[in-house]
Amino acid sequence: MVVAGEDAVVQRPAEVSTSTEPSMEVERERFCVEATEDIAAAREAAERGAYAAAKAILDRRQEALARSAPGLAGDARCAALVSELRELSARVANRREYEQTGRACMLAGMSSHAQQRATSVQLFSPASALSSGAVPFGYSTPAMQSMVESSRKARESGSGGN
């Protein structure tokens, strides 16, 4: 079989300008990836008992987001991510908070970011919902529910990773 047609040619500029600003969407996605990496790093620090270090990691990312182009422009997705990081930062501030709700929220946040959902969906319910045993986010996948349940079991058995 013979296919007739012209070769496809991709035309590229002779020079690529580095002075242009990245698009807002590219910036949002870059910050989301960086936030996901920082959430994972903060979780690792908290699991080692370095709660102040975990909080500092998340606080630095919040500050970077607030100073970013999307943050300064009042971008809603950026604001949601800053809010999520602020909430997570409060939940890793000390051992008690981390073991009660922080671990589950960190795992849920990491899972949702991996599925590229977190910046457009509120993850956290009011504290009253958490104390009643409700799932600590507005939606959940089976994997997220499993992680939350694993965290609860670890906390109840006293192993808690410490």
C-alpha atoms as a PDB file:
ATOM      1  CA  MET A   1       0.000   0.000   0.000  1.00  0.00           C
ATOM      2  CA  VAL A   2       1.359   3.403  -0.951  1.00  0.00           C
ATOM      3  CA  VAL A   3       0.260   6.580   0.766  1.00  0.00           C
ATOM      4  CA  ALA A   4       0.671   9.769  -1.173  1.00  0.00           C
ATOM      5  CA  GLY A   5       1.014  13.164   0.399  1.00  0.00           C
ATOM      6  CA  GLU A   6       3.403  15.850   1.404  1.00  0.00           C
ATOM      7  CA  ASP A   7       5.831  15.523   4.281  1.00  0.00           C
ATOM      8  CA  ALA A   8       4.792  17.289   7.448  1.00  0.00           C
ATOM      9  CA  VAL A   9       7.117  20.111   8.380  1.00  0.00           C
ATOM     10  CA  VAL A  10       7.214  21.871  11.728  1.00  0.00           C
ATOM     11  CA  GLN A  11       8.357  25.431  11.331  1.00  0.00           C
ATOM     12  CA  ARG A  12      10.296  26.745  14.281  1.00  0.00           C
ATOM     13  CA  PRO A  13      11.514  30.274  14.889  1.00  0.00           C
ATOM     14  CA  ALA A  14      15.195  30.890  14.209  1.00  0.00           C
ATOM     15  CA  GLU A  15      15.586  32.410  17.678  1.00  0.00           C
ATOM     16  CA  VAL A  16      13.615  31.741  20.820  1.00  0.00           C
ATOM     17  CA  SER A  17      12.971  34.766  22.969  1.00  0.00           C
ATOM     18  CA  THR A  18      13.481  34.233  26.687  1.00  0.00           C
ATOM     19  CA  SER A  19      12.129  37.650  27.587  1.00  0.00           C
ATOM     20  CA  THR A  20       8.474  36.700  27.193  1.00  0.00           C
ATOM     21  CA  GLU A  21       6.513  35.927  30.312  1.00  0.00           C
ATOM     22  CA  PRO A  22       5.212  32.368  30.647  1.00  0.00           C
ATOM     23  CA  SER A  23       1.473  32.044  30.311  1.00  0.00           C
ATOM     24  CA  MET A  24      -0.650  32.187  33.456  1.00  0.00           C
ATOM     25  CA  GLU A  25      -1.743  28.586  32.874  1.00  0.00           C
ATOM     26  CA  VAL A  26       1.867  27.393  32.669  1.00  0.00           C
ATOM     27  CA  GLU A  27       2.686  29.261  35.875  1.00  0.00           C
ATOM     28  CA  ARG A  28      -0.323  27.724  37.650  1.00  0.00           C
ATOM     29  CA  GLU A  29       0.676  24.214  36.651  1.00  0.00           C
ATOM     30  CA  ARG A  30       4.312  24.777  37.592  1.00  0.00           C
ATOM     31  CA  PHE A  31       3.313  26.001  41.045  1.00  0.00           C
ATOM     32  CA  CYS A  32       0.935  23.081  41.460  1.00  0.00           C
ATOM     33  CA  VAL A  33       3.760  20.633  40.718  1.00  0.00           C
ATOM     34  CA  GLU A  34       6.100  22.463  43.094  1.00  0.00           C
ATOM     35  CA  ALA A  35       3.420  22.537  45.799  1.00  0.00           C
ATOM     36  CA  THR A  36       2.870  18.798  45.397  1.00  0.00           C
ATOM     37  CA  GLU A  37       6.594  18.191  45.829  1.00  0.00           C
ATOM     38  CA  ASP A  38       6.644  20.406  48.918  1.00  0.00           C
ATOM     39  CA  ILE A  39       3.616  18.632  50.407  1.00  0.00           C
ATOM     40  CA  ALA A  40       5.467  15.331  49.991  1.00  0.00           C
ATOM     41  CA  ALA A  41       8.625  16.802  51.562  1.00  0.00           C
ATOM     42  CA  ALA A  42       6.615  18.248  54.454  1.00  0.00           C
ATOM     43  CA  ARG A  43       4.945  14.893  55.029  1.00  0.00           C
ATOM     44  CA  GLU A  44       8.332  13.171  55.139  1.00  0.00           C
ATOM     45  CA  ALA A  45       9.574  15.738  57.661  1.00  0.00           C
ATOM     46  CA  ALA A  46       6.459  15.337  59.811  1.00  0.00           C
ATOM     47  CA  GLU A  47       6.771  11.545  59.746  1.00  0.00           C
ATOM     48  CA  ARG A  48      10.299  11.989  61.173  1.00  0.00           C
ATOM     49  CA  GLY A  49       8.874  14.222  63.897  1.00  0.00           C
ATOM     50  CA  ALA A  50      10.305  17.409  62.375  1.00  0.00           C
ATOM     51  CA  TYR A  51       7.023  19.309  62.600  1.00  0.00           C
ATOM     52  CA  ALA A  52       8.600  22.782  62.563  1.00  0.00           C
ATOM     53  CA  ALA A  53      10.540  21.885  59.409  1.00  0.00           C
ATOM     54  CA  ALA A  54       7.381  20.517  57.768  1.00  0.00           C
ATOM     55  CA  LYS A  55       5.516  23.717  58.587  1.00  0.00           C
ATOM     56  CA  ALA A  56       8.401  25.838  57.262  1.00  0.00           C
ATOM     57  CA  ILE A  57       8.399  23.955  53.933  1.00  0.00           C
ATOM     58  CA  LEU A  58       4.700  24.650  53.430  1.00  0.00           C
ATOM     59  CA  ASP A  59       4.970  28.260  54.632  1.00  0.00           C
ATOM     60  CA  ARG A  60       7.768  28.978  52.128  1.00  0.00           C
ATOM     61  CA  ARG A  61       5.662  27.607  49.276  1.00  0.00           C
ATOM     62  CA  GLN A  62       2.702  29.751  50.394  1.00  0.00           C
ATOM     63  CA  GLU A  63       4.894  32.845  50.322  1.00  0.00           C
ATOM     64  CA  ALA A  64       6.294  31.974  46.890  1.00  0.00           C
ATOM     65  CA  LEU A  65       2.785  31.497  45.520  1.00  0.00           C
ATOM     66  CA  ALA A  66       1.577  34.773  46.983  1.00  0.00           C
ATOM     67  CA  ARG A  67       4.483  36.600  45.265  1.00  0.00           C
ATOM     68  CA  SER A  68       3.991  34.810  41.932  1.00  0.00           C
ATOM     69  CA  ALA A  69       2.347  36.367  38.887  1.00  0.00           C
ATOM     70  CA  PRO A  70      -0.866  34.332  39.359  1.00  0.00           C
ATOM     71  CA  GLY A  71      -0.899  35.165  43.073  1.00  0.00           C
ATOM     72  CA  LEU A  72      -0.397  38.875  42.504  1.00  0.00           C
ATOM     73  CA  ALA A  73      -3.055  38.831  39.772  1.00  0.00           C
ATOM     74  CA  GLY A  74      -5.600  37.398  42.216  1.00  0.00           C
ATOM     75  CA  ASP A  75      -5.887  34.088  40.361  1.00  0.00           C
ATOM     76  CA  ALA A  76      -8.569  31.933  42.030  1.00  0.00           C
ATOM     77  CA  ARG A  77      -6.714  28.635  41.557  1.00  0.00           C
ATOM     78  CA  CYS A  78      -3.578  30.126  43.057  1.00  0.00           C
ATOM     79  CA  ALA A  79      -5.575  31.473  46.001  1.00  0.00           C
ATOM     80  CA  ALA A  80      -7.098  28.016  46.538  1.00  0.00           C
ATOM     81  CA  LEU A  81      -3.645  26.450  46.539  1.00  0.00           C
ATOM     82  CA  VAL A  82      -2.356  29.043  49.028  1.00  0.00           C
ATOM     83  CA  SER A  83      -5.367  28.309  51.230  1.00  0.00           C
ATOM     84  CA  GLU A  84      -4.721  24.570  51.022  1.00  0.00           C
ATOM     85  CA  LEU A  85      -1.060  25.042  51.937  1.00  0.00           C
ATOM     86  CA  ARG A  86      -2.049  27.270  54.875  1.00  0.00           C
ATOM     87  CA  GLU A  87      -4.438  24.573  56.114  1.00  0.00           C
ATOM     88  CA  LEU A  88      -1.825  21.839  55.732  1.00  0.00           C
ATOM     89  CA  SER A  89       0.763  24.008  57.478  1.00  0.00           C
ATOM     90  CA  ALA A  90      -1.517  24.315  60.502  1.00  0.00           C
ATOM     91  CA  ARG A  91      -2.031  20.550  60.504  1.00  0.00           C
ATOM     92  CA  VAL A  92       1.700  19.752  60.666  1.00  0.00           C
ATOM     93  CA  ALA A  93       2.567  22.342  63.310  1.00  0.00           C
ATOM     94  CA  ASN A  94       2.792  19.777  66.113  1.00  0.00           C
ATOM     95  CA  ARG A  95       2.623  16.063  66.746  1.00  0.00           C
ATOM     96  CA  ARG A  96      -0.908  16.013  68.148  1.00  0.00           C
ATOM     97  CA  GLU A  97      -2.424  17.903  65.213  1.00  0.00           C
ATOM     98  CA  TYR A  98      -0.442  15.912  62.666  1.00  0.00           C
ATOM     99  CA  GLU A  99      -1.502  12.575  64.114  1.00  0.00           C
ATOM    100  CA  GLN A 100      -5.153  13.597  64.512  1.00  0.00           C
ATOM    101  CA  THR A 101      -5.824  15.142  61.102  1.00  0.00           C
ATOM    102  CA  GLY A 102      -2.615  16.211  59.407  1.00  0.00           C
ATOM    103  CA  ARG A 103      -1.440  12.860  58.101  1.00  0.00           C
ATOM    104  CA  ALA A 104      -4.785  12.092  56.468  1.00  0.00           C
ATOM    105  CA  CYS A 105      -5.039  15.568  54.950  1.00  0.00           C
ATOM    106  CA  MET A 106      -1.483  15.413  53.623  1.00  0.00           C
ATOM    107  CA  LEU A 107      -2.156  12.052  51.980  1.00  0.00           C
ATOM    108  CA  ALA A 108      -5.431  13.307  50.536  1.00  0.00           C
ATOM    109  CA  GLY A 109      -3.756  16.442  49.201  1.00  0.00           C
ATOM    110  CA  MET A 110      -0.956  14.465  47.593  1.00  0.00           C
ATOM    111  CA  SER A 111      -3.431  12.074  46.006  1.00  0.00           C
ATOM    112  CA  SER A 112      -5.659  14.804  44.666  1.00  0.00           C
ATOM    113  CA  HIS A 113      -2.735  16.771  43.239  1.00  0.00           C
ATOM    114  CA  ALA A 114      -1.500  13.634  41.553  1.00  0.00           C
ATOM    115  CA  GLN A 115      -4.891  13.461  39.879  1.00  0.00           C
ATOM    116  CA  GLN A 116      -4.722  17.180  38.989  1.00  0.00           C
ATOM    117  CA  ARG A 117      -7.846  18.062  40.919  1.00  0.00           C
ATOM    118  CA  ALA A 118      -6.721  19.815  44.060  1.00  0.00           C
ATOM    119  CA  THR A 119      -6.485  23.399  42.898  1.00  0.00           C
ATOM    120  CA  SER A 120     -10.080  23.492  41.731  1.00  0.00           C
ATOM    121  CA  VAL A 121     -11.780  21.627  44.578  1.00  0.00           C
ATOM    122  CA  GLN A 122     -11.906  22.508  48.266  1.00  0.00           C
ATOM    123  CA  LEU A 123     -10.240  19.689  50.172  1.00  0.00           C
ATOM    124  CA  PHE A 124     -10.989  20.593  53.741  1.00  0.00           C
ATOM    125  CA  SER A 125     -14.203  20.649  55.696  1.00  0.00           C
ATOM    126  CA  PRO A 126     -14.737  22.738  58.799  1.00  0.00           C
ATOM    127  CA  ALA A 127     -13.105  21.420  61.973  1.00  0.00           C
ATOM    128  CA  SER A 128     -16.534  20.380  63.293  1.00  0.00           C
ATOM    129  CA  ALA A 129     -16.876  17.902  60.432  1.00  0.00           C
ATOM    130  CA  LEU A 130     -13.475  16.428  61.241  1.00  0.00           C
ATOM    131  CA  SER A 131     -14.355  15.882  64.881  1.00  0.00           C
ATOM    132  CA  SER A 132     -17.520  14.063  63.845  1.00  0.00           C
ATOM    133  CA  GLY A 133     -15.460  11.575  61.835  1.00  0.00           C
ATOM    134  CA  ALA A 134     -16.441  12.955  58.442  1.00  0.00           C
ATOM    135  CA  VAL A 135     -14.057  12.612  55.528  1.00  0.00           C
ATOM    136  CA  PRO A 136     -11.822  15.738  55.622  1.00  0.00           C
ATOM    137  CA  PHE A 137     -12.376  16.820  52.023  1.00  0.00           C
ATOM    138  CA  GLY A 138     -15.213  17.678  49.681  1.00  0.00           C
ATOM    139  CA  TYR A 139     -14.740  14.668  47.417  1.00  0.00           C
ATOM    140  CA  SER A 140     -12.817  11.462  47.657  1.00  0.00           C
ATOM    141  CA  THR A 141     -11.586   8.673  45.473  1.00  0.00           C
ATOM    142  CA  PRO A 142     -11.296   5.070  46.669  1.00  0.00           C
ATOM    143  CA  ALA A 143      -7.520   5.528  46.945  1.00  0.00           C
ATOM    144  CA  MET A 144      -7.971   8.648  49.084  1.00  0.00           C
ATOM    145  CA  GLN A 145     -10.479   6.884  51.336  1.00  0.00           C
ATOM    146  CA  SER A 146      -8.046   3.998  51.734  1.00  0.00           C
ATOM    147  CA  MET A 147      -5.220   6.359  52.726  1.00  0.00           C
ATOM    148  CA  VAL A 148      -7.420   8.147  55.251  1.00  0.00           C
ATOM    149  CA  GLU A 149      -8.496   4.818  56.730  1.00  0.00           C
ATOM    150  CA  SER A 150      -4.859   3.629  56.912  1.00  0.00           C
ATOM    151  CA  SER A 151      -3.914   6.826  58.711  1.00  0.00           C
ATOM    152  CA  ARG A 152      -6.779   6.442  61.182  1.00  0.00           C
ATOM    153  CA  LYS A 153      -5.835   2.829  61.906  1.00  0.00           C
ATOM    154  CA  ALA A 154      -2.190   3.790  62.441  1.00  0.00           C
ATOM    155  CA  ARG A 155      -3.239   6.583  64.803  1.00  0.00           C
ATOM    156  CA  GLU A 156      -5.622   4.338  66.747  1.00  0.00           C
ATOM    157  CA  SER A 157      -3.059   1.559  67.110  1.00  0.00           C
ATOM    158  CA  GLY A 158      -0.554   4.086  68.415  1.00  0.00           C
ATOM    159  CA  SER A 159       2.067   3.270  65.791  1.00  0.00           C
ATOM    160  CA  GLY A 160       1.579   6.608  63.985  1.00  0.00           C
ATOM    161  CA  GLY A 161       4.963   6.300  62.282  1.00  0.00           C
ATOM    162  CA  ASN A 162       6.841   7.590  65.368  1.00  0.00           C
END
